[in-house]
Amino acid sequence: MIRAYVANTLAQAHLIKGFLDAEGIFAVVRGEHLVGISGEIPITFDTLPSIWVGEEDRDTARVLIDKALRNEIVFEDWTCPECGEAVEGQFTECWQCGSARSPV
């Protein structure tokens, strides 16, 4: 795996991970355990939470992350493949049956 992005906050790291997951890119947040000891250790590029992806997904992930940071990502509404329910684009699971959204 390779580091694709260093986030400013843990919340930002998980939001970006969610964007990548919705696009079908497996991502991992690393360094989240260090947030609890901030102030005891210096805050540096290496101690902030970061998003890691497979090497083959790095370029695509960077494009998606850049779009997310510029607020250009707009998820379109989708239809649940299991129950046929119409679901608003920002949701990753069907509210009716709980099925996960297929990667876009």
N, C-alpha and C. Protein backbone atom coordinates (compact mmCIF):
# COMPACT_ATOMS: atom_id res chain seq x y z
N MET A 1 0.85 -1.18 0.00
CA MET A 1 0.00 0.00 0.00
C MET A 1 0.90 1.24 0.00
N ILE A 2 0.30 2.33 -0.49
CA ILE A 2 1.06 3.57 -0.61
C ILE A 2 0.21 4.72 -0.07
N ARG A 3 0.89 5.68 0.55
CA ARG A 3 0.18 6.82 1.12
C ARG A 3 -0.30 7.73 -0.01
N ALA A 4 -1.62 7.98 -0.02
CA ALA A 4 -2.22 8.82 -1.06
C ALA A 4 -2.48 10.23 -0.56
N TYR A 5 -2.66 10.40 0.75
CA TYR A 5 -3.02 11.72 1.27
C TYR A 5 -2.77 11.77 2.78
N VAL A 6 -2.35 12.93 3.25
CA VAL A 6 -2.22 13.19 4.69
C VAL A 6 -3.29 14.20 5.05
N ALA A 7 -4.18 13.82 5.97
CA ALA A 7 -5.32 14.65 6.35
C ALA A 7 -4.95 15.60 7.48
N ASN A 8 -5.72 16.67 7.59
CA ASN A 8 -5.52 17.62 8.69
C ASN A 8 -6.14 17.12 9.99
N THR A 9 -7.22 16.35 9.86
CA THR A 9 -7.94 15.84 11.04
C THR A 9 -8.36 14.40 10.79
N LEU A 10 -8.69 13.72 11.86
CA LEU A 10 -9.17 12.35 11.73
C LEU A 10 -10.51 12.31 10.99
N ALA A 11 -11.37 13.28 11.27
CA ALA A 11 -12.66 13.34 10.58
C ALA A 11 -12.46 13.49 9.07
N GLN A 12 -11.56 14.37 8.66
CA GLN A 12 -11.29 14.56 7.24
C GLN A 12 -10.77 13.26 6.62
N ALA A 13 -9.91 12.55 7.33
CA ALA A 13 -9.36 11.30 6.81
C ALA A 13 -10.48 10.29 6.56
N HIS A 14 -11.41 10.18 7.49
CA HIS A 14 -12.48 9.20 7.31
C HIS A 14 -13.49 9.64 6.24
N LEU A 15 -13.71 10.93 6.10
CA LEU A 15 -14.58 11.40 5.02
C LEU A 15 -13.98 11.08 3.65
N ILE A 16 -12.70 11.32 3.51
CA ILE A 16 -12.04 11.03 2.24
C ILE A 16 -12.01 9.53 1.99
N LYS A 17 -11.76 8.75 3.03
CA LYS A 17 -11.83 7.29 2.88
C LYS A 17 -13.21 6.87 2.39
N GLY A 18 -14.26 7.49 2.93
CA GLY A 18 -15.62 7.20 2.49
C GLY A 18 -15.85 7.52 1.03
N PHE A 19 -15.30 8.65 0.56
CA PHE A 19 -15.40 9.00 -0.86
C PHE A 19 -14.73 7.92 -1.72
N LEU A 20 -13.54 7.50 -1.30
CA LEU A 20 -12.83 6.49 -2.06
C LEU A 20 -13.58 5.16 -2.05
N ASP A 21 -14.09 4.77 -0.90
CA ASP A 21 -14.87 3.53 -0.81
C ASP A 21 -16.07 3.57 -1.76
N ALA A 22 -16.75 4.72 -1.80
CA ALA A 22 -17.93 4.85 -2.68
C ALA A 22 -17.56 4.72 -4.15
N GLU A 23 -16.31 5.01 -4.47
CA GLU A 23 -15.84 4.90 -5.85
C GLU A 23 -15.20 3.54 -6.13
N GLY A 24 -15.25 2.65 -5.15
CA GLY A 24 -14.72 1.31 -5.35
C GLY A 24 -13.23 1.16 -5.12
N ILE A 25 -12.62 2.13 -4.44
CA ILE A 25 -11.19 2.06 -4.15
C ILE A 25 -11.01 1.70 -2.68
N PHE A 26 -10.34 0.59 -2.42
CA PHE A 26 -10.08 0.17 -1.04
C PHE A 26 -9.06 1.11 -0.44
N ALA A 27 -9.41 1.71 0.69
CA ALA A 27 -8.52 2.65 1.37
C ALA A 27 -8.48 2.35 2.85
N VAL A 28 -7.37 2.70 3.47
CA VAL A 28 -7.16 2.48 4.90
C VAL A 28 -6.70 3.79 5.52
N VAL A 29 -7.23 4.11 6.70
CA VAL A 29 -6.75 5.27 7.46
C VAL A 29 -5.70 4.76 8.44
N ARG A 30 -4.53 5.34 8.39
CA ARG A 30 -3.46 4.98 9.33
C ARG A 30 -3.12 6.20 10.18
N GLY A 31 -2.65 5.92 11.38
CA GLY A 31 -2.22 6.99 12.28
C GLY A 31 -3.32 7.53 13.16
N GLU A 32 -4.52 6.95 13.09
CA GLU A 32 -5.62 7.49 13.88
C GLU A 32 -5.39 7.31 15.37
N HIS A 33 -4.65 6.30 15.77
CA HIS A 33 -4.37 6.10 17.19
C HIS A 33 -3.46 7.20 17.77
N LEU A 34 -2.75 7.92 16.91
CA LEU A 34 -1.86 8.98 17.38
C LEU A 34 -2.61 10.26 17.74
N VAL A 35 -3.86 10.39 17.26
CA VAL A 35 -4.65 11.60 17.53
C VAL A 35 -4.84 11.76 19.04
N GLY A 36 -5.01 10.68 19.75
CA GLY A 36 -5.23 10.73 21.19
C GLY A 36 -4.05 11.23 21.99
N ILE A 37 -2.88 11.19 21.42
CA ILE A 37 -1.71 11.66 22.16
C ILE A 37 -1.12 12.94 21.55
N SER A 38 -1.91 13.61 20.71
CA SER A 38 -1.41 14.88 20.17
C SER A 38 -1.20 15.83 21.34
N GLY A 39 -0.17 16.58 21.27
CA GLY A 39 0.24 17.42 22.39
C GLY A 39 1.37 16.78 23.15
N GLU A 40 1.38 15.46 23.15
CA GLU A 40 2.48 14.71 23.77
C GLU A 40 3.57 14.43 22.75
N ILE A 41 3.17 14.38 21.48
CA ILE A 41 4.12 14.18 20.39
C ILE A 41 3.97 15.36 19.42
N PRO A 42 5.00 15.66 18.68
CA PRO A 42 4.87 16.76 17.71
C PRO A 42 3.91 16.39 16.58
N ILE A 43 3.17 17.38 16.09
CA ILE A 43 2.28 17.16 14.95
C ILE A 43 3.10 17.40 13.69
N THR A 44 3.32 16.32 12.95
CA THR A 44 4.12 16.38 11.73
C THR A 44 3.41 15.61 10.62
N PHE A 45 3.96 15.68 9.46
CA PHE A 45 3.46 14.94 8.30
C PHE A 45 3.33 13.45 8.63
N ASP A 46 4.24 12.94 9.45
CA ASP A 46 4.24 11.51 9.78
C ASP A 46 3.31 11.13 10.92
N THR A 47 2.83 12.10 11.70
CA THR A 47 1.96 11.76 12.82
C THR A 47 0.49 12.13 12.58
N LEU A 48 0.21 12.84 11.49
CA LEU A 48 -1.18 13.14 11.14
C LEU A 48 -1.83 11.89 10.53
N PRO A 49 -3.16 11.77 10.61
CA PRO A 49 -3.82 10.62 9.98
C PRO A 49 -3.62 10.67 8.46
N SER A 50 -3.43 9.51 7.86
CA SER A 50 -3.20 9.46 6.42
C SER A 50 -4.04 8.37 5.79
N ILE A 51 -4.28 8.53 4.48
CA ILE A 51 -5.07 7.57 3.72
C ILE A 51 -4.12 6.79 2.82
N TRP A 52 -4.22 5.48 2.89
CA TRP A 52 -3.37 4.59 2.12
C TRP A 52 -4.22 3.77 1.16
N VAL A 53 -3.72 3.58 -0.05
CA VAL A 53 -4.41 2.81 -1.09
C VAL A 53 -3.40 1.88 -1.75
N GLY A 54 -3.93 0.94 -2.53
CA GLY A 54 -3.03 0.08 -3.31
C GLY A 54 -2.29 0.90 -4.35
N GLU A 55 -1.08 0.49 -4.66
CA GLU A 55 -0.27 1.25 -5.62
C GLU A 55 -0.98 1.45 -6.95
N GLU A 56 -1.74 0.45 -7.39
CA GLU A 56 -2.43 0.54 -8.67
C GLU A 56 -3.57 1.57 -8.64
N ASP A 57 -4.03 1.95 -7.45
CA ASP A 57 -5.13 2.91 -7.32
C ASP A 57 -4.67 4.33 -6.97
N ARG A 58 -3.38 4.53 -6.79
CA ARG A 58 -2.90 5.81 -6.29
C ARG A 58 -3.29 7.00 -7.17
N ASP A 59 -3.09 6.91 -8.46
CA ASP A 59 -3.39 8.05 -9.35
C ASP A 59 -4.87 8.37 -9.36
N THR A 60 -5.71 7.34 -9.46
CA THR A 60 -7.15 7.55 -9.44
C THR A 60 -7.58 8.14 -8.11
N ALA A 61 -7.02 7.61 -7.03
CA ALA A 61 -7.36 8.10 -5.70
C ALA A 61 -6.99 9.58 -5.55
N ARG A 62 -5.85 9.98 -6.06
CA ARG A 62 -5.42 11.39 -5.96
C ARG A 62 -6.40 12.30 -6.70
N VAL A 63 -6.85 11.89 -7.87
CA VAL A 63 -7.82 12.69 -8.63
C VAL A 63 -9.11 12.83 -7.81
N LEU A 64 -9.60 11.74 -7.25
CA LEU A 64 -10.82 11.78 -6.45
C LEU A 64 -10.66 12.62 -5.19
N ILE A 65 -9.50 12.50 -4.55
CA ILE A 65 -9.24 13.29 -3.34
C ILE A 65 -9.20 14.77 -3.70
N ASP A 66 -8.55 15.12 -4.79
CA ASP A 66 -8.51 16.52 -5.21
C ASP A 66 -9.91 17.06 -5.46
N LYS A 67 -10.76 16.27 -6.10
CA LYS A 67 -12.14 16.68 -6.33
C LYS A 67 -12.88 16.86 -5.02
N ALA A 68 -12.68 15.93 -4.11
CA ALA A 68 -13.36 16.01 -2.80
C ALA A 68 -12.94 17.27 -2.06
N LEU A 69 -11.68 17.59 -2.11
CA LEU A 69 -11.19 18.77 -1.39
C LEU A 69 -11.66 20.08 -2.03
N ARG A 70 -11.97 20.04 -3.33
CA ARG A 70 -12.50 21.23 -4.00
C ARG A 70 -14.03 21.23 -3.99
N ASN A 71 -14.62 20.26 -3.26
CA ASN A 71 -16.08 20.14 -3.15
C ASN A 71 -16.73 19.93 -4.51
N GLU A 72 -16.08 19.19 -5.40
CA GLU A 72 -16.63 18.94 -6.72
C GLU A 72 -17.34 17.59 -6.81
N ILE A 73 -17.25 16.78 -5.78
CA ILE A 73 -17.89 15.48 -5.84
C ILE A 73 -19.37 15.64 -5.58
N VAL A 74 -20.15 15.18 -6.53
CA VAL A 74 -21.60 15.18 -6.38
C VAL A 74 -22.05 13.76 -6.71
N PHE A 75 -22.61 13.11 -5.71
CA PHE A 75 -23.10 11.76 -5.93
C PHE A 75 -24.51 11.82 -6.49
N GLU A 76 -24.74 11.08 -7.53
CA GLU A 76 -26.06 11.03 -8.13
C GLU A 76 -26.92 10.03 -7.37
N ASP A 77 -28.23 10.28 -7.39
CA ASP A 77 -29.16 9.35 -6.77
C ASP A 77 -28.99 7.98 -7.44
N TRP A 78 -29.30 6.92 -6.70
CA TRP A 78 -29.12 5.58 -7.22
C TRP A 78 -30.29 4.70 -6.81
N THR A 79 -30.42 3.58 -7.48
CA THR A 79 -31.47 2.62 -7.20
C THR A 79 -30.85 1.39 -6.58
N CYS A 80 -31.39 0.97 -5.45
CA CYS A 80 -30.88 -0.21 -4.75
C CYS A 80 -31.02 -1.44 -5.65
N PRO A 81 -29.93 -2.18 -5.84
CA PRO A 81 -30.00 -3.37 -6.68
C PRO A 81 -30.79 -4.52 -6.04
N GLU A 82 -30.98 -4.46 -4.72
CA GLU A 82 -31.69 -5.54 -4.02
C GLU A 82 -33.20 -5.33 -3.99
N CYS A 83 -33.62 -4.10 -3.58
CA CYS A 83 -35.07 -3.90 -3.39
C CYS A 83 -35.68 -2.89 -4.36
N GLY A 84 -34.83 -2.20 -5.15
CA GLY A 84 -35.34 -1.26 -6.14
C GLY A 84 -35.70 0.11 -5.59
N GLU A 85 -35.39 0.37 -4.33
CA GLU A 85 -35.70 1.66 -3.70
C GLU A 85 -34.81 2.77 -4.27
N ALA A 86 -35.39 3.96 -4.48
CA ALA A 86 -34.61 5.13 -4.91
C ALA A 86 -33.93 5.71 -3.67
N VAL A 87 -32.61 5.93 -3.77
CA VAL A 87 -31.82 6.40 -2.64
C VAL A 87 -31.06 7.65 -3.07
N GLU A 88 -31.01 8.66 -2.19
CA GLU A 88 -30.27 9.88 -2.49
C GLU A 88 -28.78 9.58 -2.59
N GLY A 89 -28.11 10.32 -3.45
CA GLY A 89 -26.72 10.06 -3.80
C GLY A 89 -25.72 10.07 -2.67
N GLN A 90 -25.95 10.83 -1.62
CA GLN A 90 -24.95 10.93 -0.55
C GLN A 90 -24.92 9.70 0.35
N PHE A 91 -25.91 8.82 0.21
CA PHE A 91 -25.97 7.64 1.06
C PHE A 91 -25.28 6.45 0.41
N THR A 92 -24.57 5.65 1.23
CA THR A 92 -23.86 4.49 0.71
C THR A 92 -24.60 3.19 0.97
N GLU A 93 -25.69 3.26 1.74
CA GLU A 93 -26.51 2.08 2.00
C GLU A 93 -27.97 2.42 1.77
N CYS A 94 -28.74 1.43 1.35
CA CYS A 94 -30.17 1.61 1.13
C CYS A 94 -30.87 1.77 2.47
N TRP A 95 -31.70 2.79 2.58
CA TRP A 95 -32.41 3.02 3.83
C TRP A 95 -33.50 1.98 4.05
N GLN A 96 -33.97 1.38 2.96
CA GLN A 96 -35.07 0.41 3.03
C GLN A 96 -34.60 -0.97 3.49
N CYS A 97 -33.55 -1.49 2.83
CA CYS A 97 -33.14 -2.87 3.12
C CYS A 97 -31.71 -2.99 3.67
N GLY A 98 -30.94 -1.89 3.66
CA GLY A 98 -29.59 -1.92 4.22
C GLY A 98 -28.52 -2.41 3.28
N SER A 99 -28.85 -2.70 2.03
CA SER A 99 -27.85 -3.16 1.07
C SER A 99 -26.87 -2.03 0.74
N ALA A 100 -25.62 -2.42 0.53
CA ALA A 100 -24.58 -1.44 0.20
C ALA A 100 -24.72 -1.00 -1.25
N ARG A 101 -24.36 0.26 -1.48
CA ARG A 101 -24.33 0.82 -2.83
C ARG A 101 -23.21 0.14 -3.61
N SER A 102 -23.47 -0.18 -4.85
CA SER A 102 -22.43 -0.71 -5.71
C SER A 102 -21.45 0.41 -6.03
N PRO A 103 -20.15 0.08 -6.23
CA PRO A 103 -19.20 1.13 -6.61
C PRO A 103 -19.67 1.83 -7.86
N VAL A 104 -19.44 3.16 -7.90
CA VAL A 104 -19.89 3.98 -9.03
C VAL A 104 -19.02 3.72 -10.22
